[in-house]
Amino acid sequence: MKRLQFLTLLALSTCLLCIVPGYDGTAYSNETRAGPDSTSPSWRERYLRLGEDTYQDNCAQCHDGGDDDAPVIGDRDAWSDRSPLWSSVLIVHAQNGYLGMPAKGGCDALSEREVAAAGEYMLSETFPELPRD
């Protein structure tokens, strides 16, 4: 059983490597490699901003009010019963659909990166104290 769990986690992690947070297909420049003294936002900040925008435009209508048993953003109890694999499973469920939630929240036009960023944004808002990759 542990081997199956390990293989599942390995497969999910491998899939998520295809969705590299912060990489939008453009070449790196000095601006995108800006260090901690820079005033430009980090890749993490840009990624969470994309996630927030995606969330507001496509996810908030269900996750702000808990429609159809959607876990409410910021409600730690609603999210704490979710998978211990956290973002890996959350992102796969968001991409492919899960229970009452359709794939990509019903918005097929969303990219995998946008869906992943929205999931990461929801987790960071609900559990801000947890470290992120």
C-alpha atoms as a PDB file:
ATOM      1  CA  MET A   1       0.000   0.000   0.000  1.00  0.00           C
ATOM      2  CA  LYS A   2       2.832   2.411   0.851  1.00  0.00           C
ATOM      3  CA  ARG A   3       4.445   1.644  -2.496  1.00  0.00           C
ATOM      4  CA  LEU A   4       1.175   2.501  -4.278  1.00  0.00           C
ATOM      5  CA  GLN A   5       0.923   5.777  -2.341  1.00  0.00           C
ATOM      6  CA  PHE A   6       4.527   6.583  -3.201  1.00  0.00           C
ATOM      7  CA  LEU A   7       3.986   5.804  -6.890  1.00  0.00           C
ATOM      8  CA  THR A   8       0.813   7.897  -6.942  1.00  0.00           C
ATOM      9  CA  LEU A   9       2.618  10.822  -5.338  1.00  0.00           C
ATOM     10  CA  LEU A  10       5.517  10.418  -7.754  1.00  0.00           C
ATOM     11  CA  ALA A  11       3.160  10.387 -10.739  1.00  0.00           C
ATOM     12  CA  LEU A  12       1.315  13.490  -9.527  1.00  0.00           C
ATOM     13  CA  SER A  13       4.563  15.306  -8.860  1.00  0.00           C
ATOM     14  CA  THR A  14       5.821  14.432 -12.322  1.00  0.00           C
ATOM     15  CA  CYS A  15       2.607  15.754 -13.862  1.00  0.00           C
ATOM     16  CA  LEU A  16       2.934  18.981 -11.913  1.00  0.00           C
ATOM     17  CA  LEU A  17       6.427  19.520 -13.302  1.00  0.00           C
ATOM     18  CA  CYS A  18       4.665  20.304 -16.565  1.00  0.00           C
ATOM     19  CA  ILE A  19       3.051  23.255 -14.825  1.00  0.00           C
ATOM     20  CA  VAL A  20       6.099  25.186 -13.709  1.00  0.00           C
ATOM     21  CA  PRO A  21       4.882  28.041 -11.520  1.00  0.00           C
ATOM     22  CA  GLY A  22       6.094  31.372 -12.736  1.00  0.00           C
ATOM     23  CA  TYR A  23       7.171  30.189 -16.171  1.00  0.00           C
ATOM     24  CA  ASP A  24       5.080  31.731 -18.894  1.00  0.00           C
ATOM     25  CA  GLY A  25       7.153  30.640 -21.884  1.00  0.00           C
ATOM     26  CA  THR A  26       9.236  33.799 -22.109  1.00  0.00           C
ATOM     27  CA  ALA A  27      12.988  33.881 -21.730  1.00  0.00           C
ATOM     28  CA  TYR A  28      14.456  34.978 -18.429  1.00  0.00           C
ATOM     29  CA  SER A  29      15.803  38.478 -18.240  1.00  0.00           C
ATOM     30  CA  ASN A  30      17.451  40.480 -15.497  1.00  0.00           C
ATOM     31  CA  GLU A  31      13.993  41.665 -14.491  1.00  0.00           C
ATOM     32  CA  THR A  32      12.619  38.125 -14.054  1.00  0.00           C
ATOM     33  CA  ARG A  33      15.733  37.106 -12.111  1.00  0.00           C
ATOM     34  CA  ALA A  34      15.545  40.134  -9.840  1.00  0.00           C
ATOM     35  CA  GLY A  35      16.868  39.472  -6.378  1.00  0.00           C
ATOM     36  CA  PRO A  36      15.448  40.290  -2.953  1.00  0.00           C
ATOM     37  CA  ASP A  37      16.554  43.938  -3.195  1.00  0.00           C
ATOM     38  CA  SER A  38      14.491  44.465  -6.327  1.00  0.00           C
ATOM     39  CA  THR A  39      11.197  46.333  -6.335  1.00  0.00           C
ATOM     40  CA  SER A  40       9.726  44.087  -9.031  1.00  0.00           C
ATOM     41  CA  PRO A  41       7.486  41.290  -7.744  1.00  0.00           C
ATOM     42  CA  SER A  42       8.948  37.809  -7.389  1.00  0.00           C
ATOM     43  CA  TRP A  43       7.751  34.917  -9.537  1.00  0.00           C
ATOM     44  CA  ARG A  44       5.796  33.735  -6.481  1.00  0.00           C
ATOM     45  CA  GLU A  45       4.001  37.059  -6.116  1.00  0.00           C
ATOM     46  CA  ARG A  46       3.197  37.130  -9.840  1.00  0.00           C
ATOM     47  CA  TYR A  47       1.948  33.533  -9.681  1.00  0.00           C
ATOM     48  CA  LEU A  48      -0.326  34.246  -6.710  1.00  0.00           C
ATOM     49  CA  ARG A  49      -1.590  37.396  -8.431  1.00  0.00           C
ATOM     50  CA  LEU A  50      -2.510  35.249 -11.464  1.00  0.00           C
ATOM     51  CA  GLY A  51      -4.179  32.815  -9.057  1.00  0.00           C
ATOM     52  CA  GLU A  52      -6.163  35.575  -7.375  1.00  0.00           C
ATOM     53  CA  ASP A  53      -7.314  37.000 -10.707  1.00  0.00           C
ATOM     54  CA  THR A  54      -8.301  33.534 -11.939  1.00  0.00           C
ATOM     55  CA  TYR A  55     -10.063  32.820  -8.643  1.00  0.00           C
ATOM     56  CA  GLN A  56     -12.039  36.082  -8.723  1.00  0.00           C
ATOM     57  CA  ASP A  57     -13.072  35.599 -12.356  1.00  0.00           C
ATOM     58  CA  ASN A  58     -13.864  31.883 -12.307  1.00  0.00           C
ATOM     59  CA  CYS A  59     -13.907  30.276  -8.861  1.00  0.00           C
ATOM     60  CA  ALA A  60     -15.280  32.804  -6.380  1.00  0.00           C
ATOM     61  CA  GLN A  61     -18.890  32.288  -7.399  1.00  0.00           C
ATOM     62  CA  CYS A  62     -18.800  28.819  -5.757  1.00  0.00           C
ATOM     63  CA  HIS A  63     -15.904  29.007  -3.303  1.00  0.00           C
ATOM     64  CA  ASP A  64     -16.907  32.307  -1.669  1.00  0.00           C
ATOM     65  CA  GLY A  65     -20.280  30.962  -0.565  1.00  0.00           C
ATOM     66  CA  GLY A  66     -19.792  27.195  -0.511  1.00  0.00           C
ATOM     67  CA  ASP A  67     -22.213  26.485  -3.345  1.00  0.00           C
ATOM     68  CA  ASP A  68     -22.670  22.756  -4.042  1.00  0.00           C
ATOM     69  CA  ASP A  69     -20.487  21.935  -0.996  1.00  0.00           C
ATOM     70  CA  ALA A  70     -17.448  23.726  -2.437  1.00  0.00           C
ATOM     71  CA  PRO A  71     -14.943  24.419   0.354  1.00  0.00           C
ATOM     72  CA  VAL A  72     -15.055  28.118   1.210  1.00  0.00           C
ATOM     73  CA  ILE A  73     -11.785  29.995   0.814  1.00  0.00           C
ATOM     74  CA  GLY A  74     -10.440  30.899   4.243  1.00  0.00           C
ATOM     75  CA  ASP A  75     -12.522  28.234   6.052  1.00  0.00           C
ATOM     76  CA  ARG A  76      -9.786  26.083   7.555  1.00  0.00           C
ATOM     77  CA  ASP A  77     -12.235  23.407   8.721  1.00  0.00           C
ATOM     78  CA  ALA A  78     -13.691  22.984   5.234  1.00  0.00           C
ATOM     79  CA  TRP A  79     -10.221  22.466   3.771  1.00  0.00           C
ATOM     80  CA  SER A  80      -8.624  20.465   6.592  1.00  0.00           C
ATOM     81  CA  ASP A  81     -10.514  17.283   5.667  1.00  0.00           C
ATOM     82  CA  ARG A  82      -9.047  17.328   2.170  1.00  0.00           C
ATOM     83  CA  SER A  83      -6.253  15.072   0.981  1.00  0.00           C
ATOM     84  CA  PRO A  84      -2.926  15.079   2.831  1.00  0.00           C
ATOM     85  CA  LEU A  85      -1.261  15.449  -0.559  1.00  0.00           C
ATOM     86  CA  TRP A  86      -2.640  18.994  -0.627  1.00  0.00           C
ATOM     87  CA  SER A  87      -1.795  21.018  -3.670  1.00  0.00           C
ATOM     88  CA  SER A  88      -0.909  18.014  -5.842  1.00  0.00           C
ATOM     89  CA  VAL A  89      -4.334  16.441  -5.435  1.00  0.00           C
ATOM     90  CA  LEU A  90      -6.166  19.773  -5.328  1.00  0.00           C
ATOM     91  CA  ILE A  91      -4.709  20.805  -8.667  1.00  0.00           C
ATOM     92  CA  VAL A  92      -5.444  17.462 -10.301  1.00  0.00           C
ATOM     93  CA  HIS A  93      -9.036  17.647  -9.024  1.00  0.00           C
ATOM     94  CA  ALA A  94      -9.384  21.210 -10.270  1.00  0.00           C
ATOM     95  CA  GLN A  95      -7.985  20.266 -13.686  1.00  0.00           C
ATOM     96  CA  ASN A  96     -10.081  17.132 -14.162  1.00  0.00           C
ATOM     97  CA  GLY A  97     -13.123  17.785 -11.987  1.00  0.00           C
ATOM     98  CA  TYR A  98     -14.053  16.141  -8.722  1.00  0.00           C
ATOM     99  CA  LEU A  99     -17.386  15.227  -7.173  1.00  0.00           C
ATOM    100  CA  GLY A 100     -19.695  18.159  -8.034  1.00  0.00           C
ATOM    101  CA  MET A 101     -16.962  20.385  -9.445  1.00  0.00           C
ATOM    102  CA  PRO A 102     -16.567  20.239 -13.225  1.00  0.00           C
ATOM    103  CA  ALA A 103     -13.116  20.211 -14.809  1.00  0.00           C
ATOM    104  CA  LYS A 104     -11.514  23.650 -14.633  1.00  0.00           C
ATOM    105  CA  GLY A 105     -14.543  24.836 -12.678  1.00  0.00           C
ATOM    106  CA  GLY A 106     -16.554  24.620 -15.879  1.00  0.00           C
ATOM    107  CA  CYS A 107     -14.352  27.119 -17.714  1.00  0.00           C
ATOM    108  CA  ASP A 108     -12.589  25.141 -20.435  1.00  0.00           C
ATOM    109  CA  ALA A 109     -10.772  28.259 -21.644  1.00  0.00           C
ATOM    110  CA  LEU A 110      -8.559  28.286 -18.535  1.00  0.00           C
ATOM    111  CA  SER A 111      -4.998  27.072 -18.957  1.00  0.00           C
ATOM    112  CA  GLU A 112      -3.502  24.454 -16.663  1.00  0.00           C
ATOM    113  CA  ARG A 113      -1.268  27.174 -15.232  1.00  0.00           C
ATOM    114  CA  GLU A 114      -4.249  29.403 -14.389  1.00  0.00           C
ATOM    115  CA  VAL A 115      -6.074  26.533 -12.673  1.00  0.00           C
ATOM    116  CA  ALA A 116      -2.955  25.572 -10.702  1.00  0.00           C
ATOM    117  CA  ALA A 117      -2.356  29.189  -9.688  1.00  0.00           C
ATOM    118  CA  ALA A 118      -5.969  29.552  -8.501  1.00  0.00           C
ATOM    119  CA  GLY A 119      -5.613  26.409  -6.380  1.00  0.00           C
ATOM    120  CA  GLU A 120      -2.357  27.638  -4.885  1.00  0.00           C
ATOM    121  CA  TYR A 121      -3.972  31.022  -4.192  1.00  0.00           C
ATOM    122  CA  MET A 122      -6.892  29.378  -2.349  1.00  0.00           C
ATOM    123  CA  LEU A 123      -4.527  27.331  -0.190  1.00  0.00           C
ATOM    124  CA  SER A 124      -2.304  30.325   0.558  1.00  0.00           C
ATOM    125  CA  GLU A 125      -5.331  32.376   1.625  1.00  0.00           C
ATOM    126  CA  THR A 126      -6.709  29.573   3.781  1.00  0.00           C
ATOM    127  CA  PHE A 127      -3.396  28.465   5.309  1.00  0.00           C
ATOM    128  CA  PRO A 128      -1.035  31.456   5.012  1.00  0.00           C
ATOM    129  CA  GLU A 129       1.352  30.063   7.631  1.00  0.00           C
ATOM    130  CA  LEU A 130       2.219  26.941   5.604  1.00  0.00           C
ATOM    131  CA  PRO A 131       5.450  27.008   3.597  1.00  0.00           C
ATOM    132  CA  ARG A 132       5.088  26.919  -0.172  1.00  0.00           C
ATOM    133  CA  ASP A 133       7.424  25.591  -2.815  1.00  0.00           C
END
